[in-house]
Amino acid sequence: MKKHLLIVLLALLVTLPTGSLKAQYLKKKQTTEIAREGNNKRLWLRSKADTNWHPTPGGLYEQVTLPNTKKGKKVEPIIDEGGKHKVRESAYDTVWKFTAFDGKTFYFVDYDYNRFRQLKWLRDDQRDWGKFDPVMDYLRSAGRIPMHMCAIFAVNPSVTDQDERDELIAQAQMEAVISLDYFRDILIELEMKNKISYKVAEVDWRYWKDEEFYNEPQREEPLIRVGIVCDFSSKKIDLLPSAARNARSFAEIKFFANDATIQPSYTAELDDLANYLKQEKGLEVLLTGYCDNVGTEAYNMGLSRQRAVEIKKALMRRGIDEHRIEVIARGEDNPVGDNNTLSGRSANNRVTVTIQ
């Protein structure tokens, strides 16, 4: 009996390390396979936690070691989580106007930041920086000058499927972060001592181009790499200030249950809103329709949209251009009152007015 137990124990001691090694191998293999899935939209979220996998021209992924700070910690560019930024290109100066930059001004470079990945593998005398050349000249000449740098992208408004938009946003964030990593590598290689912070953000293409969006041929590519916004101050600032930061606020417009008719009592409010938009020609308005939970979800979604559309029509009759009015339907979402009570349902039948 003792001999039999001894044999079993020896067998376990032999097989345990093998099983552990096999588990480690499978885990490593699984990680590699995940990293090689080029269409995996969660790749970047995983890579930040596990490894730094960068795409190669062949569609696979290679492991890249990012530069460390003096404390030995990795410095990752910040991905902005604030959603689409409704700012306009006209709010920024172009870098081509300047050889030296003002620390109180934001500058926009119409530049495909993916080129940083190509320039990384060239000698310095072979690098053609194109429209980014004034910034590089300034960084070389100024020495130790601080710079805030934001790579911005947009999803084409023609893409309406939310899943597809989410895929494109994840792809754009990953591309931009990797490109900024390569730019940091170049600065380290050139032994430049400038203190540079990095950020990635999405802008709303329709707002970014402003009137040009309606007057120029529409872009076809689903993902638009807009360019780079730069700031040369030492302060921590918002590179994408909203055009409506100091705009007026307007009260929401209420509706009777199961109805999309604007009540005459709101005539003065609509006149006031229209006059404000005529004075502030750089601003636009977002009308968001809501309703209570009586009826089907599909019916309520349609009713909430119709309420917002009716206000849009009222503003257009008052001389506001259609392209300055955005309509969104939220149906039963975001109730402000208790749908189990009459007063609560009444509060939920509304359209909110947001200047943007």
Protein backbone atom coordinates (compact mmCIF):
# COMPACT_ATOMS: atom_id res chain seq x y z
CA MET A 1 0.00 0.00 0.00
CA LYS A 2 2.79 2.44 0.94
CA LYS A 3 4.66 1.57 -2.24
CA HIS A 4 1.57 2.30 -4.28
CA LEU A 5 1.10 5.74 -2.62
CA LEU A 6 4.77 6.59 -3.20
CA ILE A 7 4.40 5.86 -6.92
CA VAL A 8 1.32 8.10 -7.13
CA LEU A 9 3.12 10.98 -5.37
CA LEU A 10 6.14 10.69 -7.68
CA ALA A 11 3.82 10.76 -10.69
CA LEU A 12 2.16 13.94 -9.42
CA LEU A 13 5.52 15.65 -8.84
CA VAL A 14 6.56 14.85 -12.40
CA THR A 15 3.32 15.97 -14.06
CA LEU A 16 2.66 19.21 -12.12
CA PRO A 17 5.54 21.29 -13.60
CA THR A 18 4.64 20.01 -17.05
CA GLY A 19 1.04 21.12 -16.60
CA SER A 20 2.15 24.51 -15.30
CA LEU A 21 4.51 25.02 -18.24
CA LYS A 22 1.79 23.92 -20.62
CA ALA A 23 -0.63 26.43 -19.10
CA GLN A 24 1.93 29.21 -19.45
CA TYR A 25 2.55 28.23 -23.07
CA LEU A 26 -1.15 28.21 -23.88
CA LYS A 27 -1.63 31.57 -22.18
CA LYS A 28 1.25 33.07 -24.17
CA LYS A 29 -0.05 31.54 -27.38
CA GLN A 30 -3.55 32.85 -26.72
CA THR A 31 -2.22 36.37 -26.06
CA THR A 32 -0.26 36.28 -29.30
CA GLU A 33 -3.28 35.10 -31.27
CA ILE A 34 -5.42 37.85 -29.79
CA ALA A 35 -2.78 40.43 -30.63
CA ARG A 36 -2.64 39.21 -34.23
CA GLU A 37 -6.36 39.74 -34.81
CA GLY A 38 -6.22 42.94 -36.84
CA ASN A 39 -9.97 43.58 -36.55
CA ASN A 40 -10.14 43.16 -32.78
CA LYS A 41 -11.50 46.54 -31.71
CA ARG A 42 -10.56 45.90 -28.07
CA LEU A 43 -6.94 45.27 -28.94
CA TRP A 44 -5.70 48.64 -27.69
CA LEU A 45 -7.55 48.35 -24.39
CA ARG A 46 -5.94 44.95 -23.91
CA SER A 47 -2.51 46.07 -25.02
CA LYS A 48 -2.40 48.86 -22.44
CA ALA A 49 -2.92 46.30 -19.70
CA ASP A 50 -0.77 43.44 -21.04
CA THR A 51 1.67 44.26 -23.81
CA ASN A 52 2.29 46.99 -26.37
CA TRP A 53 1.36 45.45 -29.71
CA HIS A 54 1.82 47.66 -32.76
CA PRO A 55 0.46 46.84 -36.24
CA THR A 56 2.93 45.96 -38.98
CA PRO A 57 2.40 46.64 -42.70
CA GLY A 58 1.34 43.01 -43.16
CA GLY A 59 -1.57 43.36 -40.75
CA LEU A 60 0.08 41.40 -37.92
CA TYR A 61 1.29 42.94 -34.69
CA GLU A 62 4.79 43.37 -33.34
CA GLN A 63 5.72 43.99 -29.72
CA VAL A 64 7.26 47.42 -29.20
CA THR A 65 8.91 48.79 -26.09
CA LEU A 66 7.86 52.36 -25.42
CA PRO A 67 10.28 54.90 -23.92
CA ASN A 68 10.23 55.32 -20.15
CA THR A 69 10.38 58.40 -17.97
CA LYS A 70 13.16 59.04 -15.48
CA LYS A 71 11.07 57.24 -12.87
CA GLY A 72 10.84 54.19 -15.10
CA LYS A 73 7.10 54.50 -15.74
CA LYS A 74 5.62 54.38 -19.22
CA VAL A 75 4.14 57.62 -20.49
CA GLU A 76 0.97 56.89 -22.45
CA PRO A 77 -0.90 59.51 -24.50
CA ILE A 78 -4.30 60.33 -23.05
CA ILE A 79 -7.33 59.18 -24.99
CA ASP A 80 -10.07 61.74 -24.58
CA GLU A 81 -13.30 60.12 -23.36
CA GLY A 82 -15.50 63.19 -23.72
CA GLY A 83 -17.17 62.16 -26.96
CA LYS A 84 -17.32 64.32 -30.06
CA HIS A 85 -15.98 67.85 -29.61
CA LYS A 86 -18.07 70.46 -31.38
CA VAL A 87 -15.36 72.97 -32.25
CA ARG A 88 -14.54 74.63 -35.56
CA GLU A 89 -11.38 74.76 -37.62
CA SER A 90 -11.75 78.54 -37.80
CA ALA A 91 -11.15 78.72 -34.03
CA TYR A 92 -7.45 77.90 -34.56
CA ASP A 93 -4.58 79.63 -36.35
CA THR A 94 -2.67 77.67 -38.97
CA VAL A 95 0.99 76.92 -38.30
CA TRP A 96 1.95 78.06 -41.78
CA LYS A 97 1.52 81.69 -40.74
CA PHE A 98 4.27 81.55 -38.14
CA THR A 99 7.95 80.83 -37.59
CA ALA A 100 7.66 81.52 -33.86
CA PHE A 101 4.56 80.66 -31.89
CA ASP A 102 2.58 82.52 -29.26
CA GLY A 103 2.02 80.64 -26.02
CA LYS A 104 -1.52 82.06 -25.79
CA THR A 105 -2.73 80.79 -29.17
CA PHE A 106 -3.86 77.37 -30.40
CA TYR A 107 -2.55 76.21 -33.78
CA PHE A 108 -3.95 73.62 -36.17
CA VAL A 109 -1.87 71.52 -38.57
CA ASP A 110 -3.71 69.81 -41.42
CA TYR A 111 -1.42 66.80 -41.18
CA ASP A 112 -1.90 63.02 -41.28
CA TYR A 113 -0.29 62.02 -37.99
CA ASN A 114 0.09 58.43 -39.28
CA ARG A 115 3.14 59.72 -41.18
CA PHE A 116 5.06 59.74 -37.88
CA ARG A 117 5.18 55.95 -38.13
CA GLN A 118 6.84 56.17 -41.56
CA LEU A 119 9.27 58.91 -40.58
CA LYS A 120 10.44 56.90 -37.55
CA TRP A 121 12.38 54.47 -39.77
CA LEU A 122 14.12 57.13 -41.88
CA ARG A 123 17.34 58.99 -41.19
CA ASP A 124 16.81 62.56 -40.07
CA ASP A 125 18.16 63.98 -43.33
CA GLN A 126 15.62 61.87 -45.24
CA ARG A 127 12.58 62.96 -43.26
CA ASP A 128 10.13 65.23 -45.03
CA TRP A 129 7.88 66.71 -42.37
CA GLY A 130 5.62 68.48 -44.85
CA LYS A 131 3.05 70.72 -43.16
CA PHE A 132 4.48 69.80 -39.75
CA ASP A 133 7.86 71.31 -40.67
CA PRO A 134 7.24 74.74 -39.00
CA VAL A 135 6.55 73.00 -35.69
CA MET A 136 9.72 70.89 -35.91
CA ASP A 137 11.81 73.93 -36.83
CA TYR A 138 10.43 75.78 -33.83
CA LEU A 139 11.05 72.88 -31.44
CA ARG A 140 14.65 72.57 -32.70
CA SER A 141 15.39 76.27 -32.43
CA ALA A 142 13.56 77.12 -29.20
CA GLY A 143 14.95 74.29 -27.08
CA ARG A 144 13.07 72.93 -24.06
CA ILE A 145 9.91 74.74 -25.15
CA PRO A 146 6.76 73.00 -23.80
CA MET A 147 4.11 71.82 -26.26
CA HIS A 148 0.65 70.30 -25.84
CA MET A 149 -0.21 68.15 -28.82
CA CYS A 150 -3.62 66.67 -29.68
CA ALA A 151 -4.19 64.29 -32.60
CA ILE A 152 -7.79 64.71 -33.74
CA PHE A 153 -9.95 62.48 -35.93
CA ALA A 154 -13.56 62.38 -37.08
CA VAL A 155 -15.98 59.67 -38.16
CA ASN A 156 -17.72 60.57 -41.41
CA PRO A 157 -21.31 61.72 -40.63
CA SER A 158 -22.49 59.41 -43.43
CA VAL A 159 -21.68 56.45 -41.14
CA THR A 160 -24.88 56.01 -39.15
CA ASP A 161 -24.53 52.44 -37.85
CA GLN A 162 -23.43 52.75 -34.22
CA ASP A 163 -21.47 49.48 -34.16
CA GLU A 164 -19.50 50.58 -37.23
CA ARG A 165 -18.88 53.98 -35.65
CA ASP A 166 -17.60 52.32 -32.47
CA GLU A 167 -15.23 50.18 -34.55
CA LEU A 168 -13.89 53.24 -36.38
CA ILE A 169 -13.43 55.21 -33.15
CA ALA A 170 -11.49 52.34 -31.55
CA GLN A 171 -9.35 52.02 -34.69
CA ALA A 172 -8.67 55.77 -34.81
CA GLN A 173 -7.70 55.95 -31.15
CA MET A 174 -5.27 53.06 -31.50
CA GLU A 175 -3.70 54.47 -34.68
CA ALA A 176 -3.26 57.93 -33.20
CA VAL A 177 -1.75 56.71 -29.93
CA ILE A 178 0.73 54.48 -31.75
CA SER A 179 1.66 57.33 -34.13
CA LEU A 180 2.30 59.68 -31.22
CA ASP A 181 4.48 57.01 -29.63
CA TYR A 182 6.60 56.96 -32.79
CA PHE A 183 6.83 60.76 -32.75
CA ARG A 184 8.09 60.56 -29.17
CA ASP A 185 10.70 58.02 -30.31
CA ILE A 186 11.89 60.46 -32.98
CA LEU A 187 12.29 63.28 -30.47
CA ILE A 188 14.30 60.98 -28.18
CA GLU A 189 16.48 59.94 -31.11
CA LEU A 190 17.12 63.61 -31.97
CA GLU A 191 17.96 64.26 -28.29
CA MET A 192 15.37 67.03 -28.12
CA LYS A 193 14.60 68.16 -24.58
CA ASN A 194 11.19 69.69 -25.22
CA LYS A 195 8.51 68.74 -22.72
CA ILE A 196 5.58 67.51 -24.78
CA SER A 197 2.22 66.16 -23.64
CA TYR A 198 0.01 64.06 -25.89
CA LYS A 199 -3.72 63.64 -26.33
CA VAL A 200 -6.15 62.03 -28.78
CA ALA A 201 -9.72 63.27 -29.34
CA GLU A 202 -12.65 62.95 -31.73
CA VAL A 203 -14.19 66.02 -33.33
CA ASP A 204 -17.57 66.31 -35.00
CA TRP A 205 -16.73 66.66 -38.70
CA ARG A 206 -19.88 68.63 -39.51
CA TYR A 207 -19.07 71.23 -36.88
CA TRP A 208 -15.34 71.24 -37.53
CA LYS A 209 -15.78 72.26 -41.20
CA ASP A 210 -18.67 74.63 -40.43
CA GLU A 211 -20.06 76.17 -43.67
CA GLU A 212 -17.49 74.32 -45.77
CA PHE A 213 -19.21 71.05 -44.87
CA TYR A 214 -22.24 72.14 -46.89
CA ASN A 215 -20.44 74.02 -49.66
CA GLU A 216 -17.68 71.53 -50.53
CA PRO A 217 -17.95 67.97 -51.93
CA GLN A 218 -18.49 65.51 -49.08
CA ARG A 219 -15.66 63.23 -48.04
CA GLU A 220 -16.11 59.53 -48.80
CA GLU A 221 -13.68 57.81 -46.43
CA PRO A 222 -15.40 56.56 -43.25
CA LEU A 223 -12.52 57.62 -40.96
CA ILE A 224 -11.07 61.12 -41.33
CA ARG A 225 -7.65 61.84 -39.82
CA VAL A 226 -8.21 65.54 -39.28
CA GLY A 227 -4.78 66.64 -38.07
CA ILE A 228 -3.02 68.01 -34.99
CA VAL A 229 -3.77 70.87 -32.61
CA CYS A 230 -0.73 72.40 -30.87
CA ASP A 231 -0.28 74.76 -27.95
CA PHE A 232 3.07 76.10 -26.72
CA SER A 233 2.19 77.32 -23.24
CA SER A 234 3.36 75.81 -19.96
CA LYS A 235 -0.19 75.70 -18.56
CA LYS A 236 -2.49 72.71 -18.57
CA ILE A 237 -5.23 73.83 -20.96
CA ASP A 238 -8.16 72.50 -22.97
CA LEU A 239 -7.01 72.20 -26.58
CA LEU A 240 -10.60 71.85 -27.80
CA PRO A 241 -12.58 74.69 -26.20
CA SER A 242 -16.27 74.58 -27.06
CA ALA A 243 -17.57 77.35 -29.29
CA ALA A 244 -20.59 77.49 -27.00
CA ARG A 245 -18.72 77.67 -23.70
CA ASN A 246 -20.33 80.98 -22.70
CA ALA A 247 -23.60 80.50 -24.58
CA ARG A 248 -26.99 81.21 -23.06
CA SER A 249 -29.14 78.42 -21.70
CA PHE A 250 -32.81 78.01 -22.66
CA ALA A 251 -35.66 76.30 -20.86
CA GLU A 252 -37.07 73.04 -22.19
CA ILE A 253 -40.37 73.01 -24.07
CA LYS A 254 -43.17 70.82 -22.67
CA PHE A 255 -45.85 68.87 -24.58
CA PHE A 256 -49.16 67.29 -23.72
CA ALA A 257 -49.19 63.49 -23.50
CA ASN A 258 -49.37 61.67 -26.85
CA ASP A 259 -49.10 64.98 -28.71
CA ALA A 260 -46.45 66.87 -30.73
CA THR A 261 -48.22 70.24 -31.00
CA ILE A 262 -46.30 73.29 -29.77
CA GLN A 263 -48.47 75.23 -27.34
CA PRO A 264 -49.02 78.97 -28.05
CA SER A 265 -47.56 79.79 -24.63
CA TYR A 266 -44.09 79.00 -26.01
CA THR A 267 -44.22 81.60 -28.80
CA ALA A 268 -42.15 84.14 -26.84
CA GLU A 269 -39.51 81.53 -25.93
CA LEU A 270 -39.13 80.45 -29.57
CA ASP A 271 -38.86 84.08 -30.71
CA ASP A 272 -36.16 84.67 -28.11
CA LEU A 273 -34.24 81.54 -29.19
CA ALA A 274 -34.44 82.48 -32.87
CA ASN A 275 -33.25 86.05 -32.22
CA TYR A 276 -30.32 84.75 -30.19
CA LEU A 277 -29.25 82.41 -33.00
CA LYS A 278 -29.48 85.28 -35.50
CA GLN A 279 -27.15 87.36 -33.32
CA GLU A 280 -24.70 84.52 -32.63
CA LYS A 281 -24.16 83.22 -36.17
CA GLY A 282 -21.31 80.92 -35.09
CA LEU A 283 -23.58 78.88 -32.83
CA GLU A 284 -26.11 76.14 -33.54
CA VAL A 285 -28.87 74.45 -31.58
CA LEU A 286 -29.49 70.83 -30.59
CA LEU A 287 -33.12 69.82 -30.01
CA THR A 288 -33.51 66.57 -28.07
CA GLY A 289 -36.99 65.04 -27.89
CA TYR A 290 -38.27 62.91 -24.99
CA CYS A 291 -41.59 61.39 -23.88
CA ASP A 292 -43.13 59.29 -21.12
CA ASN A 293 -43.30 55.48 -21.18
CA VAL A 294 -46.96 55.09 -22.19
CA GLY A 295 -47.07 53.13 -25.45
CA THR A 296 -44.52 51.02 -27.30
CA GLU A 297 -40.84 51.93 -27.40
CA ALA A 298 -40.91 52.41 -31.18
CA TYR A 299 -43.97 54.70 -31.00
CA ASN A 300 -42.41 56.81 -28.26
CA MET A 301 -39.17 57.15 -30.20
CA GLY A 302 -41.10 58.44 -33.19
CA LEU A 303 -43.18 60.79 -31.03
CA SER A 304 -40.11 62.27 -29.35
CA ARG A 305 -38.52 62.88 -32.77
CA GLN A 306 -41.66 64.53 -34.11
CA ARG A 307 -41.72 66.92 -31.14
CA ALA A 308 -38.14 68.02 -31.86
CA VAL A 309 -38.92 68.32 -35.59
CA GLU A 310 -41.89 70.59 -34.87
CA ILE A 311 -39.63 72.97 -32.95
CA LYS A 312 -37.10 72.80 -35.78
CA LYS A 313 -39.83 73.84 -38.24
CA ALA A 314 -40.84 76.68 -35.93
CA LEU A 315 -37.26 78.00 -35.86
CA MET A 316 -36.93 77.70 -39.63
CA ARG A 317 -40.12 79.76 -40.05
CA ARG A 318 -38.38 82.38 -37.92
CA GLY A 319 -35.42 82.55 -40.33
CA ILE A 320 -32.92 80.04 -38.87
CA ASP A 321 -31.07 77.96 -41.50
CA GLU A 322 -31.87 74.25 -41.39
CA HIS A 323 -28.22 73.19 -41.16
CA ARG A 324 -27.89 75.08 -37.86
CA ILE A 325 -30.55 72.91 -36.20
CA GLU A 326 -29.76 69.35 -35.08
CA VAL A 327 -32.51 66.97 -33.99
CA ILE A 328 -32.13 63.89 -31.77
CA ALA A 329 -34.83 61.52 -30.49
CA ARG A 330 -34.39 59.85 -27.10
CA GLY A 331 -37.87 58.41 -26.56
CA GLU A 332 -38.32 57.16 -23.00
CA ASP A 333 -34.64 57.62 -22.04
CA ASN A 334 -33.44 59.90 -19.26
CA PRO A 335 -36.76 60.56 -17.49
CA VAL A 336 -36.77 63.59 -15.20
CA GLY A 337 -40.04 62.59 -13.53
CA ASP A 338 -41.68 59.45 -12.18
CA ASN A 339 -43.60 57.76 -15.01
CA ASN A 340 -45.91 56.20 -12.41
CA THR A 341 -47.44 59.59 -11.65
CA LEU A 342 -49.32 62.09 -13.83
CA SER A 343 -46.99 64.97 -12.91
CA GLY A 344 -43.93 62.80 -13.60
CA ARG A 345 -45.18 61.78 -17.05
CA SER A 346 -45.98 65.41 -17.81
CA ALA A 347 -42.40 66.41 -16.94
CA ASN A 348 -41.01 63.74 -19.29
CA ASN A 349 -42.92 64.97 -22.37
CA ARG A 350 -40.40 67.58 -23.39
CA VAL A 351 -37.77 68.84 -25.81
CA THR A 352 -34.49 70.18 -24.40
CA VAL A 353 -32.68 73.07 -26.09
CA THR A 354 -28.86 73.04 -26.13
CA ILE A 355 -26.74 75.74 -27.76
CA GLN A 356 -23.59 74.30 -29.34
